Amino acid sequence: METSELLQQIDTDLSAVVDKARQSLVEISNGRRGQGAGTIWHSDGLIITNAHVVHGQNPKVTLPDGRVLPAKVLAHDPSLDVAALKVDATGLPTVELGESSKLRAGEWLLALGHPWGVEGAATAGVVIGVGSDWPELPQPGRGRTSQVSANQASGEWLVASLHLRPGHSGGPMVDAHGRLVGINTMMAGPGVGVAVPVHVVKRFLQQTLKR
């Protein structure tokens, strides 16, 4: 296959991944501090986003089909920067879950959200690493780099070489197959994006929703 044909095939494949991931992407407005994104986790209205997107409020959610519904915050953890929301809807499109703990440096990732109000925008990059060994990261929801708190330092992060902007927060970060591997949460510099790994989100849901 010639180089031009190979590049065209890569473009087609990545575009298909974005289209697939957009089906589970929602927009979240807390009515006070702008808008963010969210990811449909379960077809019966369970949505995952960042704690800093909802600020403990019960926001409104715009679904992929255009419906705007009120949401209830079921659980949120500012130290993990994760929140679980519930909307009164069924049969919603979900995203296939990937395995964030098995990601390797250099693998392709795509992050979706609504940066600066641009709906369903995508950005791409590669994995830098996954784990808790990150001595300095931004506070969740902030763009500038600062020392992490004791709670955050004990957490795990997915760090990627891609651009996140305000409005990406809470949206899905997916692998090259369109599987969810993280929830966008913050930027750690001009070309470094940070996400909550999907295995951390699973653990959060198991612990909080059980209670």
N, C-alpha and C. Protein backbone atom coordinates (compact mmCIF):
# COMPACT_ATOMS: atom_id res chain seq x y z
N MET A 1 0.84 -1.19 0.00
CA MET A 1 0.00 0.00 0.00
C MET A 1 0.89 1.25 0.00
N GLU A 2 0.59 2.20 -0.88
CA GLU A 2 1.35 3.43 -0.95
C GLU A 2 1.09 4.29 0.27
N THR A 3 2.04 5.20 0.53
CA THR A 3 1.94 6.04 1.72
C THR A 3 0.65 6.85 1.74
N SER A 4 0.28 7.42 0.59
CA SER A 4 -0.93 8.23 0.53
C SER A 4 -2.17 7.39 0.84
N GLU A 5 -2.19 6.15 0.35
CA GLU A 5 -3.34 5.28 0.62
C GLU A 5 -3.39 4.88 2.09
N LEU A 6 -2.21 4.66 2.68
CA LEU A 6 -2.14 4.30 4.08
C LEU A 6 -2.65 5.44 4.95
N LEU A 7 -2.22 6.67 4.63
CA LEU A 7 -2.67 7.83 5.40
C LEU A 7 -4.17 8.03 5.27
N GLN A 8 -4.67 7.82 4.07
CA GLN A 8 -6.11 7.96 3.86
C GLN A 8 -6.88 6.93 4.67
N GLN A 9 -6.35 5.71 4.75
CA GLN A 9 -7.00 4.67 5.53
C GLN A 9 -6.99 5.00 7.02
N ILE A 10 -5.86 5.55 7.50
CA ILE A 10 -5.77 5.96 8.90
C ILE A 10 -6.78 7.07 9.19
N ASP A 11 -6.88 8.04 8.29
CA ASP A 11 -7.86 9.12 8.45
C ASP A 11 -9.28 8.56 8.55
N THR A 12 -9.59 7.63 7.66
CA THR A 12 -10.93 7.04 7.64
C THR A 12 -11.22 6.29 8.94
N ASP A 13 -10.23 5.53 9.39
CA ASP A 13 -10.40 4.74 10.61
C ASP A 13 -10.59 5.65 11.83
N LEU A 14 -9.76 6.70 11.96
CA LEU A 14 -9.87 7.59 13.10
C LEU A 14 -11.19 8.37 13.08
N SER A 15 -11.63 8.75 11.88
CA SER A 15 -12.90 9.45 11.77
C SER A 15 -14.05 8.56 12.22
N ALA A 16 -13.97 7.28 11.90
CA ALA A 16 -15.00 6.33 12.33
C ALA A 16 -15.01 6.17 13.84
N VAL A 17 -13.81 6.17 14.44
CA VAL A 17 -13.70 6.07 15.90
C VAL A 17 -14.35 7.28 16.56
N VAL A 18 -14.10 8.47 16.03
CA VAL A 18 -14.70 9.69 16.57
C VAL A 18 -16.22 9.65 16.46
N ASP A 19 -16.73 9.25 15.30
CA ASP A 19 -18.18 9.17 15.11
C ASP A 19 -18.81 8.21 16.12
N LYS A 20 -18.13 7.11 16.37
CA LYS A 20 -18.64 6.12 17.33
C LYS A 20 -18.63 6.68 18.75
N ALA A 21 -17.55 7.34 19.13
CA ALA A 21 -17.44 7.87 20.49
C ALA A 21 -18.42 9.02 20.73
N ARG A 22 -18.72 9.80 19.70
CA ARG A 22 -19.65 10.92 19.85
C ARG A 22 -21.04 10.47 20.27
N GLN A 23 -21.38 9.23 19.98
CA GLN A 23 -22.71 8.73 20.31
C GLN A 23 -22.95 8.70 21.81
N SER A 24 -21.87 8.65 22.61
CA SER A 24 -22.01 8.60 24.06
C SER A 24 -21.60 9.91 24.73
N LEU A 25 -21.35 10.94 23.94
CA LEU A 25 -20.89 12.24 24.45
C LEU A 25 -22.08 13.15 24.74
N VAL A 26 -22.11 13.72 25.94
CA VAL A 26 -23.18 14.66 26.28
C VAL A 26 -22.57 16.00 26.67
N GLU A 27 -23.42 17.00 26.73
CA GLU A 27 -23.00 18.33 27.19
C GLU A 27 -23.64 18.59 28.55
N ILE A 28 -22.88 19.16 29.47
CA ILE A 28 -23.36 19.39 30.83
C ILE A 28 -23.25 20.87 31.16
N SER A 29 -24.34 21.42 31.69
CA SER A 29 -24.36 22.83 32.11
C SER A 29 -24.83 22.89 33.55
N ASN A 30 -24.04 23.54 34.40
CA ASN A 30 -24.45 23.68 35.79
C ASN A 30 -25.12 25.02 36.06
N GLY A 31 -25.31 25.80 34.99
CA GLY A 31 -26.04 27.04 35.11
C GLY A 31 -25.28 28.18 35.75
N ARG A 32 -24.01 27.92 36.15
CA ARG A 32 -23.29 28.94 36.88
C ARG A 32 -21.91 29.18 36.32
N ARG A 33 -21.21 28.12 36.01
CA ARG A 33 -19.81 28.27 35.63
C ARG A 33 -19.52 27.67 34.26
N GLY A 34 -20.43 27.87 33.34
CA GLY A 34 -20.16 27.39 31.99
C GLY A 34 -20.56 25.96 31.79
N GLN A 35 -19.94 25.34 30.79
CA GLN A 35 -20.35 24.02 30.37
C GLN A 35 -19.17 23.06 30.29
N GLY A 36 -19.48 21.80 30.39
CA GLY A 36 -18.49 20.75 30.24
C GLY A 36 -19.10 19.59 29.47
N ALA A 37 -18.45 18.46 29.56
CA ALA A 37 -18.91 17.29 28.83
C ALA A 37 -19.16 16.15 29.80
N GLY A 38 -19.76 15.10 29.29
CA GLY A 38 -20.00 13.90 30.07
C GLY A 38 -20.03 12.70 29.15
N THR A 39 -19.97 11.52 29.73
CA THR A 39 -19.93 10.27 28.97
C THR A 39 -21.01 9.34 29.46
N ILE A 40 -21.86 8.87 28.56
CA ILE A 40 -22.92 7.94 28.94
C ILE A 40 -22.28 6.59 29.29
N TRP A 41 -22.48 6.18 30.54
CA TRP A 41 -21.87 4.94 31.03
C TRP A 41 -22.83 3.78 30.91
N HIS A 42 -24.12 4.05 31.16
CA HIS A 42 -25.14 3.00 31.12
C HIS A 42 -26.34 3.52 30.36
N SER A 43 -26.99 2.64 29.62
CA SER A 43 -28.10 3.04 28.76
C SER A 43 -29.31 3.56 29.53
N ASP A 44 -29.39 3.26 30.83
CA ASP A 44 -30.52 3.71 31.64
C ASP A 44 -30.27 5.07 32.30
N GLY A 45 -29.39 5.87 31.71
CA GLY A 45 -29.26 7.25 32.15
C GLY A 45 -28.12 7.55 33.09
N LEU A 46 -27.18 6.61 33.30
CA LEU A 46 -26.03 6.87 34.15
C LEU A 46 -24.94 7.55 33.32
N ILE A 47 -24.48 8.70 33.79
CA ILE A 47 -23.50 9.52 33.07
C ILE A 47 -22.32 9.82 34.00
N ILE A 48 -21.13 9.74 33.46
CA ILE A 48 -19.92 10.04 34.20
C ILE A 48 -19.34 11.36 33.71
N THR A 49 -18.90 12.18 34.65
CA THR A 49 -18.24 13.43 34.30
C THR A 49 -17.23 13.76 35.41
N ASN A 50 -16.69 14.97 35.39
CA ASN A 50 -15.77 15.40 36.45
C ASN A 50 -16.53 16.05 37.60
N ALA A 51 -16.00 15.90 38.80
CA ALA A 51 -16.59 16.58 39.94
C ALA A 51 -16.53 18.10 39.75
N HIS A 52 -15.45 18.59 39.12
CA HIS A 52 -15.32 20.04 38.97
C HIS A 52 -16.27 20.60 37.92
N VAL A 53 -16.87 19.74 37.10
CA VAL A 53 -17.85 20.20 36.11
C VAL A 53 -19.18 20.51 36.78
N VAL A 54 -19.57 19.68 37.75
CA VAL A 54 -20.89 19.84 38.37
C VAL A 54 -20.83 20.68 39.65
N HIS A 55 -19.66 20.75 40.32
CA HIS A 55 -19.51 21.54 41.54
C HIS A 55 -20.58 21.20 42.58
N GLY A 56 -20.97 19.92 42.62
CA GLY A 56 -21.96 19.50 43.61
C GLY A 56 -23.38 19.91 43.27
N GLN A 57 -23.58 20.58 42.14
CA GLN A 57 -24.92 21.02 41.74
C GLN A 57 -25.61 19.92 40.93
N ASN A 58 -26.92 20.05 40.78
CA ASN A 58 -27.66 19.17 39.90
C ASN A 58 -27.81 19.86 38.55
N PRO A 59 -27.01 19.48 37.56
CA PRO A 59 -26.95 20.22 36.29
C PRO A 59 -28.00 19.77 35.28
N LYS A 60 -27.93 20.38 34.13
CA LYS A 60 -28.74 19.95 32.99
C LYS A 60 -27.82 19.25 31.99
N VAL A 61 -28.36 18.23 31.34
CA VAL A 61 -27.58 17.43 30.40
C VAL A 61 -28.24 17.48 29.03
N THR A 62 -27.45 17.79 28.02
CA THR A 62 -27.93 17.72 26.63
C THR A 62 -27.45 16.41 26.03
N LEU A 63 -28.41 15.56 25.67
CA LEU A 63 -28.10 14.24 25.12
C LEU A 63 -27.71 14.34 23.65
N PRO A 64 -27.12 13.27 23.10
CA PRO A 64 -26.73 13.30 21.68
C PRO A 64 -27.90 13.56 20.73
N ASP A 65 -29.13 13.18 21.14
CA ASP A 65 -30.28 13.40 20.27
C ASP A 65 -30.89 14.79 20.44
N GLY A 66 -30.26 15.63 21.28
CA GLY A 66 -30.71 17.01 21.43
C GLY A 66 -31.61 17.27 22.63
N ARG A 67 -32.09 16.23 23.28
CA ARG A 67 -32.93 16.42 24.46
C ARG A 67 -32.12 17.05 25.61
N VAL A 68 -32.74 17.97 26.32
CA VAL A 68 -32.12 18.59 27.48
C VAL A 68 -32.88 18.13 28.72
N LEU A 69 -32.17 17.43 29.61
CA LEU A 69 -32.82 16.83 30.78
C LEU A 69 -32.12 17.27 32.07
N PRO A 70 -32.88 17.41 33.15
CA PRO A 70 -32.24 17.66 34.44
C PRO A 70 -31.55 16.39 34.92
N ALA A 71 -30.44 16.56 35.62
CA ALA A 71 -29.68 15.42 36.12
C ALA A 71 -29.54 15.50 37.63
N LYS A 72 -29.49 14.35 38.25
CA LYS A 72 -29.25 14.26 39.68
C LYS A 72 -27.84 13.74 39.92
N VAL A 73 -27.10 14.37 40.82
CA VAL A 73 -25.76 13.90 41.16
C VAL A 73 -25.91 12.74 42.16
N LEU A 74 -25.55 11.54 41.72
CA LEU A 74 -25.63 10.36 42.58
C LEU A 74 -24.44 10.28 43.52
N ALA A 75 -23.27 10.64 43.03
CA ALA A 75 -22.04 10.58 43.83
C ALA A 75 -20.99 11.45 43.17
N HIS A 76 -20.11 12.02 43.99
CA HIS A 76 -18.99 12.77 43.42
C HIS A 76 -17.82 12.72 44.39
N ASP A 77 -16.61 12.74 43.85
CA ASP A 77 -15.39 12.67 44.65
C ASP A 77 -14.40 13.68 44.09
N PRO A 78 -14.26 14.84 44.74
CA PRO A 78 -13.35 15.87 44.24
C PRO A 78 -11.90 15.41 44.18
N SER A 79 -11.48 14.50 45.07
CA SER A 79 -10.08 14.07 45.05
C SER A 79 -9.77 13.24 43.81
N LEU A 80 -10.77 12.49 43.33
CA LEU A 80 -10.61 11.74 42.08
C LEU A 80 -11.05 12.56 40.88
N ASP A 81 -11.81 13.63 41.15
CA ASP A 81 -12.44 14.47 40.13
C ASP A 81 -13.39 13.66 39.25
N VAL A 82 -14.23 12.87 39.91
CA VAL A 82 -15.22 12.05 39.22
C VAL A 82 -16.60 12.29 39.84
N ALA A 83 -17.62 12.33 38.99
CA ALA A 83 -19.00 12.43 39.46
C ALA A 83 -19.89 11.52 38.62
N ALA A 84 -20.89 10.96 39.27
CA ALA A 84 -21.88 10.11 38.59
C ALA A 84 -23.22 10.82 38.60
N LEU A 85 -23.83 10.97 37.43
CA LEU A 85 -25.11 11.64 37.28
C LEU A 85 -26.16 10.64 36.79
N LYS A 86 -27.44 11.01 37.03
CA LYS A 86 -28.54 10.18 36.54
C LYS A 86 -29.56 11.08 35.88
N VAL A 87 -29.95 10.72 34.64
CA VAL A 87 -31.04 11.41 33.96
C VAL A 87 -32.16 10.41 33.73
N ASP A 88 -33.36 10.93 33.59
CA ASP A 88 -34.53 10.08 33.39
C ASP A 88 -34.66 9.74 31.91
N ALA A 89 -33.91 8.74 31.49
CA ALA A 89 -33.93 8.31 30.08
C ALA A 89 -33.47 6.86 30.01
N THR A 90 -33.92 6.17 28.99
CA THR A 90 -33.51 4.79 28.78
C THR A 90 -33.11 4.59 27.31
N GLY A 91 -32.42 3.50 27.07
CA GLY A 91 -32.01 3.19 25.69
C GLY A 91 -30.97 4.12 25.13
N LEU A 92 -30.18 4.73 26.00
CA LEU A 92 -29.16 5.67 25.53
C LEU A 92 -27.96 4.93 24.95
N PRO A 93 -27.29 5.51 23.96
CA PRO A 93 -26.09 4.88 23.38
C PRO A 93 -24.92 4.96 24.36
N THR A 94 -24.22 3.87 24.54
CA THR A 94 -23.09 3.83 25.47
C THR A 94 -21.79 3.59 24.70
N VAL A 95 -20.69 3.69 25.41
CA VAL A 95 -19.39 3.46 24.82
C VAL A 95 -18.82 2.16 25.38
N GLU A 96 -18.15 1.40 24.55
CA GLU A 96 -17.50 0.17 25.00
C GLU A 96 -16.35 0.53 25.93
N LEU A 97 -16.21 -0.24 27.01
CA LEU A 97 -15.15 0.04 27.97
C LEU A 97 -13.86 -0.66 27.57
N GLY A 98 -12.75 0.06 27.68
CA GLY A 98 -11.44 -0.51 27.40
C GLY A 98 -10.72 -0.86 28.69
N GLU A 99 -9.43 -1.14 28.58
CA GLU A 99 -8.63 -1.50 29.75
C GLU A 99 -7.48 -0.51 29.89
N SER A 100 -7.70 0.51 30.69
CA SER A 100 -6.71 1.57 30.83
C SER A 100 -5.42 1.07 31.47
N SER A 101 -5.51 0.08 32.34
CA SER A 101 -4.31 -0.41 33.01
C SER A 101 -3.35 -1.12 32.07
N LYS A 102 -3.83 -1.49 30.87
CA LYS A 102 -2.98 -2.20 29.92
C LYS A 102 -2.44 -1.30 28.81
N LEU A 103 -2.74 0.00 28.89
CA LEU A 103 -2.24 0.93 27.87
C LEU A 103 -0.72 1.03 27.94
N ARG A 104 -0.11 1.20 26.78
CA ARG A 104 1.35 1.34 26.71
C ARG A 104 1.71 2.69 26.10
N ALA A 105 2.84 3.21 26.53
CA ALA A 105 3.31 4.48 25.99
C ALA A 105 3.41 4.41 24.47
N GLY A 106 2.89 5.43 23.81
CA GLY A 106 2.94 5.49 22.35
C GLY A 106 1.67 5.06 21.65
N GLU A 107 0.71 4.45 22.39
CA GLU A 107 -0.55 4.06 21.76
C GLU A 107 -1.41 5.29 21.50
N TRP A 108 -2.16 5.24 20.39
CA TRP A 108 -2.99 6.37 19.99
C TRP A 108 -4.21 6.51 20.89
N LEU A 109 -4.56 7.77 21.19
CA LEU A 109 -5.75 8.10 21.96
C LEU A 109 -6.47 9.27 21.31
N LEU A 110 -7.78 9.34 21.53
CA LEU A 110 -8.58 10.49 21.08
C LEU A 110 -9.41 10.98 22.26
N ALA A 111 -9.51 12.29 22.41
CA ALA A 111 -10.31 12.89 23.46
C ALA A 111 -11.41 13.73 22.83
N LEU A 112 -12.64 13.58 23.33
CA LEU A 112 -13.78 14.31 22.79
C LEU A 112 -14.39 15.20 23.85
N GLY A 113 -15.00 16.29 23.40
CA GLY A 113 -15.66 17.21 24.30
C GLY A 113 -16.20 18.39 23.55
N HIS A 114 -16.36 19.50 24.26
CA HIS A 114 -16.92 20.72 23.66
C HIS A 114 -16.00 21.91 23.97
N PRO A 115 -14.74 21.87 23.53
CA PRO A 115 -13.80 22.94 23.87
C PRO A 115 -14.23 24.29 23.31
N TRP A 116 -14.24 25.29 24.22
CA TRP A 116 -14.63 26.65 23.83
C TRP A 116 -16.01 26.67 23.16
N GLY A 117 -16.87 25.71 23.49
CA GLY A 117 -18.21 25.68 22.94
C GLY A 117 -18.34 25.00 21.60
N VAL A 118 -17.25 24.45 21.07
CA VAL A 118 -17.32 23.72 19.80
C VAL A 118 -17.82 22.30 20.09
N GLU A 119 -19.02 21.98 19.66
CA GLU A 119 -19.65 20.72 20.03
C GLU A 119 -18.99 19.52 19.35
N GLY A 120 -18.73 18.49 20.15
CA GLY A 120 -18.25 17.22 19.61
C GLY A 120 -16.87 17.27 19.00
N ALA A 121 -16.04 18.21 19.44
CA ALA A 121 -14.70 18.32 18.86
C ALA A 121 -13.81 17.19 19.37
N ALA A 122 -12.82 16.82 18.56
CA ALA A 122 -11.90 15.74 18.91
C ALA A 122 -10.46 16.21 18.79
N THR A 123 -9.62 15.66 19.65
CA THR A 123 -8.18 15.90 19.58
C THR A 123 -7.48 14.56 19.76
N ALA A 124 -6.31 14.42 19.17
CA ALA A 124 -5.63 13.12 19.18
C ALA A 124 -4.20 13.25 19.67
N GLY A 125 -3.67 12.16 20.20
CA GLY A 125 -2.30 12.11 20.67
C GLY A 125 -1.95 10.70 21.09
N VAL A 126 -0.90 10.56 21.87
CA VAL A 126 -0.45 9.23 22.28
C VAL A 126 -0.31 9.16 23.80
N VAL A 127 -0.33 7.93 24.30
CA VAL A 127 -0.17 7.69 25.73
C VAL A 127 1.23 8.08 26.17
N ILE A 128 1.31 8.82 27.28
CA ILE A 128 2.59 9.05 27.95
C ILE A 128 2.77 8.01 29.04
N GLY A 129 1.73 7.78 29.81
CA GLY A 129 1.81 6.76 30.85
C GLY A 129 0.54 6.70 31.67
N VAL A 130 0.39 5.63 32.46
CA VAL A 130 -0.74 5.45 33.36
C VAL A 130 -0.19 5.05 34.72
N GLY A 131 -0.72 5.69 35.79
CA GLY A 131 -0.28 5.31 37.12
C GLY A 131 -0.36 6.47 38.08
N SER A 132 0.29 6.33 39.23
CA SER A 132 0.24 7.34 40.27
C SER A 132 1.57 8.06 40.46
N ASP A 133 2.56 7.73 39.68
CA ASP A 133 3.89 8.31 39.86
C ASP A 133 4.04 9.60 39.06
N TRP A 134 3.26 10.63 39.45
CA TRP A 134 3.30 11.92 38.79
C TRP A 134 3.52 12.98 39.86
N PRO A 135 4.76 13.42 40.05
CA PRO A 135 5.07 14.31 41.17
C PRO A 135 4.41 15.67 41.09
N GLU A 136 4.04 16.12 39.90
CA GLU A 136 3.47 17.45 39.78
C GLU A 136 2.45 17.47 38.66
N LEU A 137 1.19 17.79 39.02
CA LEU A 137 0.11 17.89 38.06
C LEU A 137 -0.76 19.08 38.44
N PRO A 138 -1.60 19.56 37.50
CA PRO A 138 -2.50 20.65 37.87
C PRO A 138 -3.56 20.18 38.86
N GLN A 139 -4.15 21.13 39.59
CA GLN A 139 -5.33 20.81 40.36
C GLN A 139 -6.44 20.51 39.36
N PRO A 140 -7.35 19.55 39.64
CA PRO A 140 -8.44 19.27 38.71
C PRO A 140 -9.22 20.52 38.36
N GLY A 141 -9.47 20.68 37.05
CA GLY A 141 -10.23 21.82 36.59
C GLY A 141 -9.44 23.07 36.35
N ARG A 142 -8.12 23.00 36.55
CA ARG A 142 -7.29 24.19 36.36
C ARG A 142 -6.22 23.89 35.31
N GLY A 143 -5.83 24.92 34.58
CA GLY A 143 -4.87 24.72 33.51
C GLY A 143 -3.43 24.84 33.93
N ARG A 144 -3.16 25.56 35.04
CA ARG A 144 -1.76 25.80 35.38
C ARG A 144 -1.23 24.66 36.26
N THR A 145 0.05 24.42 36.19
CA THR A 145 0.67 23.34 36.94
C THR A 145 0.91 23.76 38.38
N SER A 146 0.58 22.88 39.31
CA SER A 146 0.83 23.14 40.72
C SER A 146 1.00 21.81 41.43
N GLN A 147 1.55 21.85 42.64
CA GLN A 147 1.78 20.61 43.37
C GLN A 147 0.44 19.96 43.74
N VAL A 148 0.31 18.65 43.53
CA VAL A 148 -0.94 17.97 43.84
C VAL A 148 -1.10 17.84 45.34
N SER A 149 -2.36 17.76 45.78
CA SER A 149 -2.64 17.56 47.19
C SER A 149 -2.33 16.12 47.58
N ALA A 150 -2.39 15.85 48.89
CA ALA A 150 -2.09 14.49 49.37
C ALA A 150 -3.09 13.49 48.81
N ASN A 151 -4.38 13.87 48.73
CA ASN A 151 -5.39 12.96 48.19
C ASN A 151 -5.13 12.67 46.72
N GLN A 152 -4.84 13.73 45.96
CA GLN A 152 -4.62 13.54 44.53
C GLN A 152 -3.36 12.73 44.26
N ALA A 153 -2.33 12.93 45.09
CA ALA A 153 -1.07 12.24 44.87
C ALA A 153 -1.23 10.73 44.98
N SER A 154 -2.25 10.29 45.75
CA SER A 154 -2.47 8.86 45.91
C SER A 154 -3.33 8.29 44.80
N GLY A 155 -3.81 9.15 43.91
CA GLY A 155 -4.68 8.69 42.84
C GLY A 155 -3.89 8.25 41.63
N GLU A 156 -4.62 7.70 40.66
CA GLU A 156 -4.02 7.24 39.41
C GLU A 156 -4.53 8.12 38.28
N TRP A 157 -3.64 8.38 37.31
CA TRP A 157 -3.99 9.24 36.19
C TRP A 157 -3.53 8.60 34.88
N LEU A 158 -4.26 8.92 33.83
CA LEU A 158 -3.85 8.60 32.47
C LEU A 158 -3.35 9.89 31.85
N VAL A 159 -2.08 9.92 31.49
CA VAL A 159 -1.47 11.14 30.95
C VAL A 159 -1.13 10.92 29.48
N ALA A 160 -1.54 11.86 28.64
CA ALA A 160 -1.38 11.70 27.20
C ALA A 160 -0.82 12.96 26.56
N SER A 161 -0.14 12.78 25.46
CA SER A 161 0.40 13.90 24.69
C SER A 161 -0.67 14.38 23.72
N LEU A 162 -1.64 15.13 24.24
CA LEU A 162 -2.70 15.71 23.41
C LEU A 162 -3.22 16.98 24.08
N HIS A 163 -3.94 17.77 23.33
CA HIS A 163 -4.41 19.06 23.80
C HIS A 163 -5.82 18.94 24.37
N LEU A 164 -5.99 19.30 25.64
CA LEU A 164 -7.31 19.44 26.24
C LEU A 164 -7.55 20.92 26.51
N ARG A 165 -8.79 21.33 26.34
CA ARG A 165 -9.17 22.72 26.54
C ARG A 165 -10.44 22.78 27.39
N PRO A 166 -10.77 23.96 27.97
CA PRO A 166 -12.03 24.08 28.70
C PRO A 166 -13.20 23.62 27.84
N GLY A 167 -13.99 22.70 28.38
CA GLY A 167 -15.08 22.10 27.63
C GLY A 167 -14.83 20.64 27.30
N HIS A 168 -13.56 20.21 27.35
CA HIS A 168 -13.25 18.79 27.20
C HIS A 168 -13.55 18.02 28.48
N SER A 169 -13.53 18.71 29.62
CA SER A 169 -13.65 18.05 30.91
C SER A 169 -14.90 17.17 30.99
N GLY A 170 -14.71 15.93 31.43
CA GLY A 170 -15.81 14.99 31.58
C GLY A 170 -16.10 14.15 30.36
N GLY A 171 -15.51 14.55 29.22
CA GLY A 171 -15.74 13.80 27.98
C GLY A 171 -14.91 12.54 27.92
N PRO A 172 -15.18 11.69 26.94
CA PRO A 172 -14.47 10.41 26.84
C PRO A 172 -13.09 10.53 26.21
N MET A 173 -12.14 9.80 26.75
CA MET A 173 -10.86 9.57 26.10
C MET A 173 -10.87 8.10 25.67
N VAL A 174 -10.71 7.87 24.38
CA VAL A 174 -10.86 6.51 23.84
C VAL A 174 -9.58 6.06 23.14
N ASP A 175 -9.45 4.75 23.03
CA ASP A 175 -8.29 4.21 22.32
C ASP A 175 -8.59 4.13 20.83
N ALA A 176 -7.67 3.56 20.06
CA ALA A 176 -7.81 3.53 18.60
C ALA A 176 -8.96 2.66 18.13
N HIS A 177 -9.53 1.87 19.03
CA HIS A 177 -10.69 1.03 18.70
C HIS A 177 -12.00 1.66 19.17
N GLY A 178 -11.92 2.86 19.75
CA GLY A 178 -13.12 3.54 20.21
C GLY A 178 -13.57 3.10 21.59
N ARG A 179 -12.72 2.40 22.33
CA ARG A 179 -13.08 1.93 23.67
C ARG A 179 -12.70 2.98 24.72
N LEU A 180 -13.57 3.19 25.68
CA LEU A 180 -13.32 4.20 26.70
C LEU A 180 -12.18 3.76 27.62
N VAL A 181 -11.16 4.61 27.72
CA VAL A 181 -10.03 4.31 28.60
C VAL A 181 -9.84 5.39 29.67
N GLY A 182 -10.54 6.52 29.54
CA GLY A 182 -10.39 7.57 30.54
C GLY A 182 -11.45 8.64 30.40
N ILE A 183 -11.57 9.45 31.46
CA ILE A 183 -12.46 10.61 31.46
C ILE A 183 -11.59 11.86 31.51
N ASN A 184 -11.67 12.68 30.46
CA ASN A 184 -10.85 13.90 30.41
C ASN A 184 -11.05 14.72 31.68
N THR A 185 -9.96 15.23 32.24
CA THR A 185 -10.13 16.02 33.46
C THR A 185 -9.33 17.31 33.50
N MET A 186 -8.10 17.36 32.94
CA MET A 186 -7.35 18.59 33.04
C MET A 186 -6.18 18.61 32.06
N MET A 187 -5.60 19.79 31.90
CA MET A 187 -4.41 19.93 31.08
C MET A 187 -3.22 20.23 31.97
N ALA A 188 -2.09 19.66 31.64
CA ALA A 188 -0.88 19.83 32.45
C ALA A 188 0.19 20.54 31.64
N GLY A 189 -0.22 21.43 30.77
CA GLY A 189 0.71 22.13 29.90
C GLY A 189 0.12 22.24 28.50
N PRO A 190 0.80 22.92 27.59
CA PRO A 190 0.25 23.15 26.24
C PRO A 190 -0.08 21.87 25.48
N GLY A 191 0.66 20.79 25.71
CA GLY A 191 0.43 19.58 24.93
C GLY A 191 0.31 18.32 25.76
N VAL A 192 -0.14 18.45 27.02
CA VAL A 192 -0.29 17.30 27.89
C VAL A 192 -1.68 17.31 28.50
N GLY A 193 -2.44 16.24 28.25
CA GLY A 193 -3.77 16.11 28.81
C GLY A 193 -3.81 14.98 29.83
N VAL A 194 -4.64 15.16 30.85
CA VAL A 194 -4.74 14.19 31.94
C VAL A 194 -6.19 13.70 32.04
N ALA A 195 -6.35 12.40 32.23
CA ALA A 195 -7.67 11.80 32.36
C ALA A 195 -7.71 10.86 33.56
N VAL A 196 -8.91 10.63 34.06
CA VAL A 196 -9.11 9.62 35.10
C VAL A 196 -9.22 8.27 34.39
N PRO A 197 -8.34 7.31 34.68
CA PRO A 197 -8.39 6.01 33.99
C PRO A 197 -9.73 5.31 34.23
N VAL A 198 -10.19 4.56 33.26
CA VAL A 198 -11.50 3.93 33.36
C VAL A 198 -11.55 2.92 34.50
N HIS A 199 -10.44 2.28 34.83
CA HIS A 199 -10.49 1.33 35.95
C HIS A 199 -10.68 2.04 37.28
N VAL A 200 -10.26 3.31 37.38
CA VAL A 200 -10.51 4.10 38.58
C VAL A 200 -12.00 4.47 38.66
N VAL A 201 -12.59 4.80 37.51
CA VAL A 201 -14.02 5.11 37.46
C VAL A 201 -14.85 3.89 37.88
N LYS A 202 -14.48 2.72 37.39
CA LYS A 202 -15.18 1.49 37.77
C LYS A 202 -15.16 1.30 39.28
N ARG A 203 -13.99 1.49 39.88
CA ARG A 203 -13.84 1.32 41.32
C ARG A 203 -14.68 2.35 42.07
N PHE A 204 -14.67 3.59 41.59
CA PHE A 204 -15.48 4.66 42.18
C PHE A 204 -16.96 4.28 42.18
N LEU A 205 -17.46 3.78 41.06
CA LEU A 205 -18.87 3.42 40.96
C LEU A 205 -19.21 2.25 41.88
N GLN A 206 -18.35 1.26 41.92
CA GLN A 206 -18.59 0.10 42.77
C GLN A 206 -18.67 0.50 44.24
N GLN A 207 -17.81 1.40 44.65
CA GLN A 207 -17.74 1.79 46.06
C GLN A 207 -18.86 2.76 46.43
N THR A 208 -19.12 3.76 45.61
CA THR A 208 -20.07 4.80 45.98
C THR A 208 -21.52 4.39 45.74
N LEU A 209 -21.82 3.77 44.62
CA LEU A 209 -23.20 3.41 44.33
C LEU A 209 -23.66 2.25 45.21
N LYS A 210 -22.73 1.42 45.65
CA LYS A 210 -23.08 0.35 46.57
C LYS A 210 -23.58 0.94 47.88
N ARG A 211 -22.92 2.03 48.33
CA ARG A 211 -23.34 2.67 49.57
C ARG A 211 -24.68 3.36 49.39
